[in-house]
Amino acid sequence: MIAYVTVGADDIAGAKRFYSAFLLALGYGLKEGPEGLSYALPVQPGQFPVLPDFYVKPTFDGKPATAGNGVMIAFEARTQSQVRELHAAALAAGGFDEGQPGFRASYGPRFYVGYLRDPQGNKIALFSSNPSEPGRDG
């Protein structure tokens, strides 16, 4: 199981606007400190943490943060409408469109996805494959 994902950011305030625009709506909590941003899902008493956590931090070597070529991080939404809402919110919060929400012919008939780039250039997917909603074929 993946325990956490970290992306680098040169502008932590801009990254906070972008990621908070959709991660808080997906149930993540935010802790902010001098080391950056820590997003985590709440832990119920007596339960193990729900992983992965998501961190946004300045680079350790002090050089500019860069996006990985071929790297993408996907977050699951509850519904297709939530994908559309969060995609729009993330764009309004400084993100860049990499593909409007919708079905893609190369994926399964229930995989509804929108793509973004964060202000640093990291590729983000917001998706839903809710079985109670209509699929690509109606």
Protein backbone atom coordinates (compact mmCIF):
# COMPACT_ATOMS: atom_id res chain seq x y z
CA MET A 1 0.00 0.00 0.00
CA ILE A 2 1.22 3.48 -0.76
CA ALA A 3 1.70 5.35 2.53
CA TYR A 4 2.18 8.88 1.21
CA VAL A 5 2.82 10.96 -1.90
CA THR A 6 4.93 14.13 -1.88
CA VAL A 7 5.14 16.83 -4.53
CA GLY A 8 7.51 19.76 -4.48
CA ALA A 9 6.34 23.34 -4.71
CA ASP A 10 8.14 26.65 -4.97
CA ASP A 11 5.00 28.60 -3.99
CA ILE A 12 3.43 26.90 -0.96
CA ALA A 13 0.63 29.50 -0.70
CA GLY A 14 -0.34 28.90 -4.34
CA ALA A 15 -0.16 25.14 -3.85
CA LYS A 16 -2.37 25.46 -0.77
CA ARG A 17 -5.03 27.36 -2.77
CA PHE A 18 -4.95 24.72 -5.51
CA TYR A 19 -4.95 21.56 -3.42
CA SER A 20 -7.37 22.85 -0.77
CA ALA A 21 -9.84 23.66 -3.57
CA PHE A 22 -10.54 19.94 -3.95
CA LEU A 23 -8.82 17.87 -1.24
CA LEU A 24 -10.85 19.41 1.60
CA ALA A 25 -14.07 18.55 -0.29
CA LEU A 26 -12.83 14.95 -0.61
CA GLY A 27 -12.53 14.74 3.18
CA TYR A 28 -8.83 15.44 3.66
CA GLY A 29 -7.74 17.56 6.61
CA LEU A 30 -4.87 20.03 6.32
CA LYS A 31 -1.97 20.63 8.66
CA GLU A 32 0.35 23.44 7.72
CA GLY A 33 3.82 24.06 9.08
CA PRO A 34 7.27 25.33 8.17
CA GLU A 35 7.93 22.04 6.35
CA GLY A 36 4.94 22.55 4.03
CA LEU A 37 1.42 21.16 3.73
CA SER A 38 0.19 17.79 5.01
CA TYR A 39 -3.18 16.51 3.79
CA ALA A 40 -4.58 13.40 5.47
CA LEU A 41 -7.91 11.65 5.75
CA PRO A 42 -9.39 11.59 9.26
CA VAL A 43 -8.65 8.61 11.50
CA GLN A 44 -11.56 7.13 13.42
CA PRO A 45 -10.85 6.12 17.05
CA GLY A 46 -9.39 2.64 17.19
CA GLN A 47 -8.78 2.55 13.42
CA PHE A 48 -5.64 2.66 11.32
CA PRO A 49 -5.01 5.74 9.17
CA VAL A 50 -6.60 5.76 5.72
CA LEU A 51 -3.70 6.04 3.32
CA PRO A 52 -2.11 7.60 1.42
CA ASP A 53 -1.35 10.98 2.96
CA PHE A 54 -0.47 13.76 0.55
CA TYR A 55 2.33 16.27 1.20
CA VAL A 56 3.31 19.47 -0.58
CA LYS A 57 6.76 20.67 0.42
CA PRO A 58 9.62 22.88 -0.67
CA THR A 59 12.46 20.86 -2.18
CA PHE A 60 15.07 19.51 0.21
CA ASP A 61 17.98 20.54 -1.99
CA GLY A 62 16.74 24.13 -2.38
CA LYS A 63 16.61 23.87 -6.16
CA PRO A 64 13.39 24.68 -8.06
CA ALA A 65 10.67 22.05 -7.86
CA THR A 66 9.91 20.23 -11.11
CA ALA A 67 7.10 17.96 -12.25
CA GLY A 68 7.97 14.39 -13.16
CA ASN A 69 7.48 13.45 -16.80
CA GLY A 70 4.96 10.61 -16.83
CA VAL A 71 3.96 11.09 -13.18
CA MET A 72 0.29 11.60 -12.33
CA ILE A 73 -1.57 11.53 -9.03
CA ALA A 74 -5.25 10.55 -9.04
CA PHE A 75 -7.86 11.41 -6.41
CA GLU A 76 -11.22 9.64 -6.30
CA ALA A 77 -14.40 11.68 -6.09
CA ARG A 78 -17.79 10.29 -5.10
CA THR A 79 -19.73 11.29 -8.23
CA GLN A 80 -19.33 12.60 -11.74
CA SER A 81 -20.80 15.95 -10.69
CA GLN A 82 -18.22 16.18 -7.90
CA VAL A 83 -15.47 15.57 -10.47
CA ARG A 84 -16.82 18.50 -12.52
CA GLU A 85 -17.19 20.76 -9.47
CA LEU A 86 -13.73 20.02 -8.10
CA HIS A 87 -12.08 20.32 -11.50
CA ALA A 88 -13.64 23.79 -11.89
CA ALA A 89 -12.65 24.75 -8.32
CA ALA A 90 -9.06 23.65 -8.90
CA LEU A 91 -8.88 25.68 -12.14
CA ALA A 92 -10.22 28.73 -10.33
CA ALA A 93 -7.58 28.18 -7.63
CA GLY A 94 -4.65 28.42 -10.04
CA GLY A 95 -4.61 25.06 -11.80
CA PHE A 96 -4.32 24.44 -15.53
CA ASP A 97 -6.66 22.28 -17.60
CA GLU A 98 -5.20 19.07 -19.02
CA GLY A 99 -8.52 17.51 -20.06
CA GLN A 100 -12.10 18.44 -19.24
CA PRO A 101 -14.11 15.96 -17.15
CA GLY A 102 -15.72 13.18 -19.13
CA PHE A 103 -15.43 9.59 -20.25
CA ARG A 104 -12.42 8.47 -22.27
CA ALA A 105 -12.68 5.79 -24.95
CA SER A 106 -9.45 4.13 -23.80
CA TYR A 107 -10.71 3.53 -20.23
CA GLY A 108 -13.53 1.47 -18.75
CA PRO A 109 -17.14 2.52 -19.34
CA ARG A 110 -17.60 3.89 -15.79
CA PHE A 111 -14.29 5.77 -15.46
CA TYR A 112 -15.21 9.48 -15.49
CA VAL A 113 -12.12 11.69 -15.22
CA GLY A 114 -10.83 15.26 -15.49
CA TYR A 115 -7.16 16.19 -15.67
CA LEU A 116 -5.29 19.21 -14.30
CA ARG A 117 -1.83 20.56 -13.69
CA ASP A 118 -1.11 22.18 -10.34
CA PRO A 119 0.67 25.57 -10.30
CA GLN A 120 4.05 23.74 -10.26
CA GLY A 121 3.14 21.57 -13.26
CA ASN A 122 2.33 18.27 -11.51
CA LYS A 123 -0.39 16.30 -13.30
CA ILE A 124 -3.50 15.54 -11.26
CA ALA A 125 -6.53 13.39 -12.11
CA LEU A 126 -9.91 13.66 -10.43
CA PHE A 127 -12.08 10.63 -11.19
CA SER A 128 -15.22 8.73 -10.27
CA SER A 129 -16.26 5.23 -11.23
CA ASN A 130 -19.45 5.22 -9.16
CA PRO A 131 -21.47 2.14 -10.20
CA SER A 132 -24.79 3.87 -9.42
CA GLU A 133 -24.23 6.53 -12.11
CA PRO A 134 -24.67 6.16 -15.87
CA GLY A 135 -21.63 4.90 -17.72
CA ARG A 136 -20.13 6.02 -20.99
CA ASP A 137 -22.60 3.90 -22.95
CA GLY A 138 -25.68 5.31 -21.22
